[in-house]
Amino acid sequence: FHIFKKALEQIDYWNKYYGIKISISVNVSRTYIFNEGYVDKLIHLVKACNVNPEQVEIEITETTALNHEEELIKILNQLKSYHFKVALDDFGTGYSSLNYLTKLPIDALKIDRSFVIDMIENHKSRWIVENIIQLSHKLGIEVVAEGVELEEQVDYLKSILCDIVQGYFYSKPESFEKVVNLLEK
């Protein structure tokens, strides 16, 4: 929770001094999310940092639900009742992917980079990406394409109405301090 707390404190600072409403996405491991009291700790931390839970997205992978689907649904519904957002990360690489779309209370789906990286050259990957976007939108789920590295990928994803693109095309992973400096400029 230390790094998460630091990020929340920075969000509070930007909210107060710059009027910037930044959201963060936090990958949560299977170990953490099923830890008793996780939701209560998260709520306490967000309140202590004066951050609106709507600015926090919790990312889980499909494998998180494996063998604990009902328990995970309960936890995610609890998070959503406090207005946290929930994203299904690395979509398409786990088990029973489409099944989770109908059961898990998610706001966003992140298409795994393995489909995005070769979608321009590989018609099968392109077809999968297009259909994931269409299906997700019909279910009211926002779509994020991961692993975007080329302008051609960005243009294509825009043309098929992908909501958000993420990847090296915009920036490689940066240290917290560098991100803070970039945003403050």
C-alpha atoms as a PDB file:
ATOM      1  CA  PHE A   1       0.000   0.000   0.000  1.00  0.00           C
ATOM      2  CA  HIS A   2       3.009   2.355   0.318  1.00  0.00           C
ATOM      3  CA  ILE A   3       3.327   3.128  -3.416  1.00  0.00           C
ATOM      4  CA  PHE A   4      -0.440   3.322  -3.760  1.00  0.00           C
ATOM      5  CA  LYS A   5      -0.567   5.827  -0.891  1.00  0.00           C
ATOM      6  CA  LYS A   6       2.132   7.953  -2.537  1.00  0.00           C
ATOM      7  CA  ALA A   7       0.139   8.033  -5.786  1.00  0.00           C
ATOM      8  CA  LEU A   8      -3.055   8.985  -3.937  1.00  0.00           C
ATOM      9  CA  GLU A   9      -1.261  11.793  -2.111  1.00  0.00           C
ATOM     10  CA  GLN A  10      -0.031  13.129  -5.452  1.00  0.00           C
ATOM     11  CA  ILE A  11      -3.548  12.987  -6.893  1.00  0.00           C
ATOM     12  CA  ASP A  12      -4.812  14.959  -3.890  1.00  0.00           C
ATOM     13  CA  TYR A  13      -2.082  17.547  -4.491  1.00  0.00           C
ATOM     14  CA  TRP A  14      -2.996  17.929  -8.182  1.00  0.00           C
ATOM     15  CA  ASN A  15      -6.691  18.147  -7.307  1.00  0.00           C
ATOM     16  CA  LYS A  16      -6.069  20.943  -4.784  1.00  0.00           C
ATOM     17  CA  TYR A  17      -3.390  23.020  -6.457  1.00  0.00           C
ATOM     18  CA  TYR A  18      -3.955  22.542 -10.182  1.00  0.00           C
ATOM     19  CA  GLY A  19      -7.581  21.500 -10.463  1.00  0.00           C
ATOM     20  CA  ILE A  20      -6.447  18.490 -12.509  1.00  0.00           C
ATOM     21  CA  LYS A  21      -8.616  15.404 -12.137  1.00  0.00           C
ATOM     22  CA  ILE A  22      -6.181  12.539 -12.674  1.00  0.00           C
ATOM     23  CA  SER A  23      -7.194   8.916 -12.346  1.00  0.00           C
ATOM     24  CA  ILE A  24      -4.918   6.014 -11.566  1.00  0.00           C
ATOM     25  CA  SER A  25      -5.126   2.344 -12.366  1.00  0.00           C
ATOM     26  CA  VAL A  26      -3.685  -0.110  -9.894  1.00  0.00           C
ATOM     27  CA  ASN A  27      -2.990  -3.751 -10.676  1.00  0.00           C
ATOM     28  CA  VAL A  28      -4.155  -5.816  -7.739  1.00  0.00           C
ATOM     29  CA  SER A  29      -2.841  -9.318  -7.316  1.00  0.00           C
ATOM     30  CA  ARG A  30      -4.951 -12.289  -6.400  1.00  0.00           C
ATOM     31  CA  THR A  31      -3.207 -12.376  -3.010  1.00  0.00           C
ATOM     32  CA  TYR A  32      -4.154  -8.793  -2.138  1.00  0.00           C
ATOM     33  CA  ILE A  33      -7.731  -8.717  -3.369  1.00  0.00           C
ATOM     34  CA  PHE A  34      -8.667 -11.856  -1.431  1.00  0.00           C
ATOM     35  CA  ASN A  35      -6.888 -10.635   1.698  1.00  0.00           C
ATOM     36  CA  GLU A  36      -9.457 -10.133   4.430  1.00  0.00           C
ATOM     37  CA  GLY A  37     -10.109  -6.460   4.973  1.00  0.00           C
ATOM     38  CA  TYR A  38      -8.649  -5.390   1.608  1.00  0.00           C
ATOM     39  CA  VAL A  39     -11.667  -3.285   0.642  1.00  0.00           C
ATOM     40  CA  ASP A  40     -11.830  -1.622   4.061  1.00  0.00           C
ATOM     41  CA  LYS A  41      -8.105  -0.788   3.933  1.00  0.00           C
ATOM     42  CA  LEU A  42      -8.473   0.618   0.434  1.00  0.00           C
ATOM     43  CA  ILE A  43     -11.455   2.779   1.420  1.00  0.00           C
ATOM     44  CA  HIS A  44      -9.631   4.054   4.502  1.00  0.00           C
ATOM     45  CA  LEU A  45      -6.548   4.940   2.458  1.00  0.00           C
ATOM     46  CA  VAL A  46      -8.517   6.769  -0.249  1.00  0.00           C
ATOM     47  CA  LYS A  47     -10.455   8.767   2.356  1.00  0.00           C
ATOM     48  CA  ALA A  48      -7.278   9.595   4.289  1.00  0.00           C
ATOM     49  CA  CYS A  49      -5.753  10.991   1.078  1.00  0.00           C
ATOM     50  CA  ASN A  50      -8.902  12.996   0.178  1.00  0.00           C
ATOM     51  CA  VAL A  51      -9.257  11.267  -3.180  1.00  0.00           C
ATOM     52  CA  ASN A  52     -12.572  10.465  -4.802  1.00  0.00           C
ATOM     53  CA  PRO A  53     -12.841   6.676  -5.337  1.00  0.00           C
ATOM     54  CA  GLU A  54     -14.071   7.432  -8.885  1.00  0.00           C
ATOM     55  CA  GLN A  55     -10.463   8.436  -9.642  1.00  0.00           C
ATOM     56  CA  VAL A  56      -9.196   4.952  -8.772  1.00  0.00           C
ATOM     57  CA  GLU A  57      -9.433   1.966 -11.081  1.00  0.00           C
ATOM     58  CA  ILE A  58      -8.668  -1.483  -9.724  1.00  0.00           C
ATOM     59  CA  GLU A  59      -7.225  -3.832 -12.365  1.00  0.00           C
ATOM     60  CA  ILE A  60      -7.588  -7.574 -12.025  1.00  0.00           C
ATOM     61  CA  THR A  61      -6.674 -10.385 -14.392  1.00  0.00           C
ATOM     62  CA  GLU A  62      -8.946 -13.177 -15.526  1.00  0.00           C
ATOM     63  CA  THR A  63      -6.901 -15.702 -13.562  1.00  0.00           C
ATOM     64  CA  THR A  64      -7.770 -13.828 -10.356  1.00  0.00           C
ATOM     65  CA  ALA A  65     -11.292 -15.214 -10.638  1.00  0.00           C
ATOM     66  CA  LEU A  66     -10.133 -18.780 -11.200  1.00  0.00           C
ATOM     67  CA  ASN A  67     -11.690 -21.021  -8.517  1.00  0.00           C
ATOM     68  CA  HIS A  68     -12.936 -17.940  -6.581  1.00  0.00           C
ATOM     69  CA  GLU A  69     -15.419 -16.364  -8.973  1.00  0.00           C
ATOM     70  CA  GLU A  70     -18.286 -15.836  -6.500  1.00  0.00           C
ATOM     71  CA  GLU A  71     -15.979 -14.376  -3.857  1.00  0.00           C
ATOM     72  CA  LEU A  72     -14.401 -12.037  -6.412  1.00  0.00           C
ATOM     73  CA  ILE A  73     -17.802 -10.858  -7.659  1.00  0.00           C
ATOM     74  CA  LYS A  74     -18.750  -9.992  -4.081  1.00  0.00           C
ATOM     75  CA  ILE A  75     -15.513  -8.022  -3.573  1.00  0.00           C
ATOM     76  CA  LEU A  76     -15.851  -6.188  -6.901  1.00  0.00           C
ATOM     77  CA  ASN A  77     -19.464  -5.268  -6.167  1.00  0.00           C
ATOM     78  CA  GLN A  78     -18.341  -3.927  -2.813  1.00  0.00           C
ATOM     79  CA  LEU A  79     -15.663  -1.797  -4.534  1.00  0.00           C
ATOM     80  CA  LYS A  80     -18.174  -0.545  -7.080  1.00  0.00           C
ATOM     81  CA  SER A  81     -20.620   0.390  -4.311  1.00  0.00           C
ATOM     82  CA  TYR A  82     -17.949   2.872  -3.166  1.00  0.00           C
ATOM     83  CA  HIS A  83     -17.578   4.082  -6.784  1.00  0.00           C
ATOM     84  CA  PHE A  84     -14.190   2.547  -7.546  1.00  0.00           C
ATOM     85  CA  LYS A  85     -13.806   1.540 -11.178  1.00  0.00           C
ATOM     86  CA  VAL A  86     -12.869  -2.017 -12.078  1.00  0.00           C
ATOM     87  CA  ALA A  87     -10.929  -3.171 -15.148  1.00  0.00           C
ATOM     88  CA  LEU A  88     -10.250  -6.643 -16.474  1.00  0.00           C
ATOM     89  CA  ASP A  89      -6.570  -6.601 -17.485  1.00  0.00           C
ATOM     90  CA  ASP A  90      -4.776  -8.723 -20.108  1.00  0.00           C
ATOM     91  CA  PHE A  91      -8.080  -9.749 -21.640  1.00  0.00           C
ATOM     92  CA  GLY A  92      -7.916 -12.744 -23.926  1.00  0.00           C
ATOM     93  CA  THR A  93      -5.011 -14.546 -22.309  1.00  0.00           C
ATOM     94  CA  GLY A  94      -6.767 -16.212 -19.390  1.00  0.00           C
ATOM     95  CA  TYR A  95      -9.507 -18.779 -19.005  1.00  0.00           C
ATOM     96  CA  SER A  96     -13.159 -18.478 -20.101  1.00  0.00           C
ATOM     97  CA  SER A  97     -12.679 -14.885 -21.207  1.00  0.00           C
ATOM     98  CA  LEU A  98     -16.146 -14.281 -22.632  1.00  0.00           C
ATOM     99  CA  ASN A  99     -17.775 -15.885 -19.617  1.00  0.00           C
ATOM    100  CA  TYR A 100     -16.200 -13.265 -17.338  1.00  0.00           C
ATOM    101  CA  LEU A 101     -17.684 -10.429 -19.394  1.00  0.00           C
ATOM    102  CA  THR A 102     -21.173 -11.527 -18.427  1.00  0.00           C
ATOM    103  CA  LYS A 103     -20.416 -12.224 -14.771  1.00  0.00           C
ATOM    104  CA  LEU A 104     -17.809  -9.802 -13.452  1.00  0.00           C
ATOM    105  CA  PRO A 105     -18.969  -6.249 -12.656  1.00  0.00           C
ATOM    106  CA  ILE A 106     -16.342  -4.410 -14.707  1.00  0.00           C
ATOM    107  CA  ASP A 107     -16.186  -0.917 -16.185  1.00  0.00           C
ATOM    108  CA  ALA A 108     -13.262  -1.451 -18.537  1.00  0.00           C
ATOM    109  CA  LEU A 109     -11.546  -4.216 -20.422  1.00  0.00           C
ATOM    110  CA  LYS A 110      -7.875  -4.037 -21.386  1.00  0.00           C
ATOM    111  CA  ILE A 111      -7.083  -5.985 -24.555  1.00  0.00           C
ATOM    112  CA  ASP A 112      -3.813  -7.836 -24.096  1.00  0.00           C
ATOM    113  CA  ARG A 113      -0.908  -6.521 -26.146  1.00  0.00           C
ATOM    114  CA  SER A 114      -0.410  -9.940 -27.785  1.00  0.00           C
ATOM    115  CA  PHE A 115      -3.437  -9.172 -30.004  1.00  0.00           C
ATOM    116  CA  VAL A 116      -2.617  -5.501 -30.574  1.00  0.00           C
ATOM    117  CA  ILE A 117       1.073  -5.890 -31.408  1.00  0.00           C
ATOM    118  CA  ASP A 118       0.503  -7.732 -34.707  1.00  0.00           C
ATOM    119  CA  MET A 119      -3.050  -6.700 -35.614  1.00  0.00           C
ATOM    120  CA  ILE A 120      -1.920  -4.661 -38.627  1.00  0.00           C
ATOM    121  CA  GLU A 121      -0.194  -7.643 -40.289  1.00  0.00           C
ATOM    122  CA  ASN A 122      -2.316 -10.465 -38.875  1.00  0.00           C
ATOM    123  CA  HIS A 123      -5.953 -10.418 -39.972  1.00  0.00           C
ATOM    124  CA  LYS A 124      -6.932 -12.880 -37.227  1.00  0.00           C
ATOM    125  CA  SER A 125      -5.576 -10.625 -34.472  1.00  0.00           C
ATOM    126  CA  ARG A 126      -7.226  -7.625 -36.137  1.00  0.00           C
ATOM    127  CA  TRP A 127     -10.562  -9.466 -36.272  1.00  0.00           C
ATOM    128  CA  ILE A 128     -10.281 -10.407 -32.586  1.00  0.00           C
ATOM    129  CA  VAL A 129      -9.490  -6.802 -31.560  1.00  0.00           C
ATOM    130  CA  GLU A 130     -12.377  -5.411 -33.635  1.00  0.00           C
ATOM    131  CA  ASN A 131     -14.850  -7.877 -32.198  1.00  0.00           C
ATOM    132  CA  ILE A 132     -13.696  -7.448 -28.602  1.00  0.00           C
ATOM    133  CA  ILE A 133     -14.286  -3.709 -28.991  1.00  0.00           C
ATOM    134  CA  GLN A 134     -17.728  -4.164 -30.543  1.00  0.00           C
ATOM    135  CA  LEU A 135     -18.809  -6.749 -27.982  1.00  0.00           C
ATOM    136  CA  SER A 136     -17.523  -4.699 -25.057  1.00  0.00           C
ATOM    137  CA  HIS A 137     -19.304  -1.571 -26.244  1.00  0.00           C
ATOM    138  CA  LYS A 138     -22.559  -3.508 -26.606  1.00  0.00           C
ATOM    139  CA  LEU A 139     -22.119  -4.592 -22.982  1.00  0.00           C
ATOM    140  CA  GLY A 140     -21.408  -0.997 -21.883  1.00  0.00           C
ATOM    141  CA  ILE A 141     -17.744  -1.681 -21.157  1.00  0.00           C
ATOM    142  CA  GLU A 142     -14.945   0.765 -22.007  1.00  0.00           C
ATOM    143  CA  VAL A 143     -12.013  -0.678 -23.973  1.00  0.00           C
ATOM    144  CA  VAL A 144      -8.283  -0.051 -23.553  1.00  0.00           C
ATOM    145  CA  ALA A 145      -5.804  -1.423 -26.083  1.00  0.00           C
ATOM    146  CA  GLU A 146      -2.462  -2.294 -24.460  1.00  0.00           C
ATOM    147  CA  GLY A 147       0.922  -2.487 -26.138  1.00  0.00           C
ATOM    148  CA  VAL A 148       0.397   0.177 -28.796  1.00  0.00           C
ATOM    149  CA  GLU A 149       3.756   1.078 -30.339  1.00  0.00           C
ATOM    150  CA  LEU A 150       3.057   2.406 -33.841  1.00  0.00           C
ATOM    151  CA  GLU A 151       1.107   5.343 -35.229  1.00  0.00           C
ATOM    152  CA  GLU A 152      -0.552   2.945 -37.663  1.00  0.00           C
ATOM    153  CA  GLN A 153      -1.934   0.986 -34.679  1.00  0.00           C
ATOM    154  CA  VAL A 154      -3.214   4.180 -33.053  1.00  0.00           C
ATOM    155  CA  ASP A 155      -4.942   5.254 -36.275  1.00  0.00           C
ATOM    156  CA  TYR A 156      -6.531   1.851 -36.772  1.00  0.00           C
ATOM    157  CA  LEU A 157      -7.721   1.618 -33.154  1.00  0.00           C
ATOM    158  CA  LYS A 158      -9.273   5.084 -33.450  1.00  0.00           C
ATOM    159  CA  SER A 159     -11.026   4.031 -36.655  1.00  0.00           C
ATOM    160  CA  ILE A 160     -12.658   1.069 -34.890  1.00  0.00           C
ATOM    161  CA  LEU A 161     -13.656   3.246 -31.911  1.00  0.00           C
ATOM    162  CA  CYS A 162     -11.307   1.933 -29.260  1.00  0.00           C
ATOM    163  CA  ASP A 163     -11.789   4.165 -26.205  1.00  0.00           C
ATOM    164  CA  ILE A 164      -8.202   4.360 -24.933  1.00  0.00           C
ATOM    165  CA  VAL A 165      -4.818   3.309 -26.283  1.00  0.00           C
ATOM    166  CA  GLN A 166      -1.843   2.653 -24.062  1.00  0.00           C
ATOM    167  CA  GLY A 167       1.724   1.800 -24.862  1.00  0.00           C
ATOM    168  CA  TYR A 168       5.205   2.850 -25.903  1.00  0.00           C
ATOM    169  CA  PHE A 169       3.815   4.967 -28.737  1.00  0.00           C
ATOM    170  CA  TYR A 170       3.001   7.562 -26.077  1.00  0.00           C
ATOM    171  CA  SER A 171       5.602   6.747 -23.456  1.00  0.00           C
ATOM    172  CA  LYS A 172       7.687   3.989 -22.003  1.00  0.00           C
ATOM    173  CA  PRO A 173       7.163   3.326 -18.296  1.00  0.00           C
ATOM    174  CA  GLU A 174       8.647   6.186 -16.307  1.00  0.00           C
ATOM    175  CA  SER A 175       9.579   6.706 -12.690  1.00  0.00           C
ATOM    176  CA  PHE A 176       6.988   8.309 -10.450  1.00  0.00           C
ATOM    177  CA  GLU A 177       9.126  11.444 -10.152  1.00  0.00           C
ATOM    178  CA  LYS A 178       9.448  11.843 -13.929  1.00  0.00           C
ATOM    179  CA  VAL A 179       5.693  11.457 -14.412  1.00  0.00           C
ATOM    180  CA  VAL A 180       5.088  14.092 -11.745  1.00  0.00           C
ATOM    181  CA  ASN A 181       7.510  16.488 -13.501  1.00  0.00           C
ATOM    182  CA  LEU A 182       5.904  15.889 -16.904  1.00  0.00           C
ATOM    183  CA  LEU A 183       2.384  16.464 -15.611  1.00  0.00           C
ATOM    184  CA  GLU A 184       3.338  19.594 -13.710  1.00  0.00           C
ATOM    185  CA  LYS A 185       4.862  21.086 -16.881  1.00  0.00           C
END
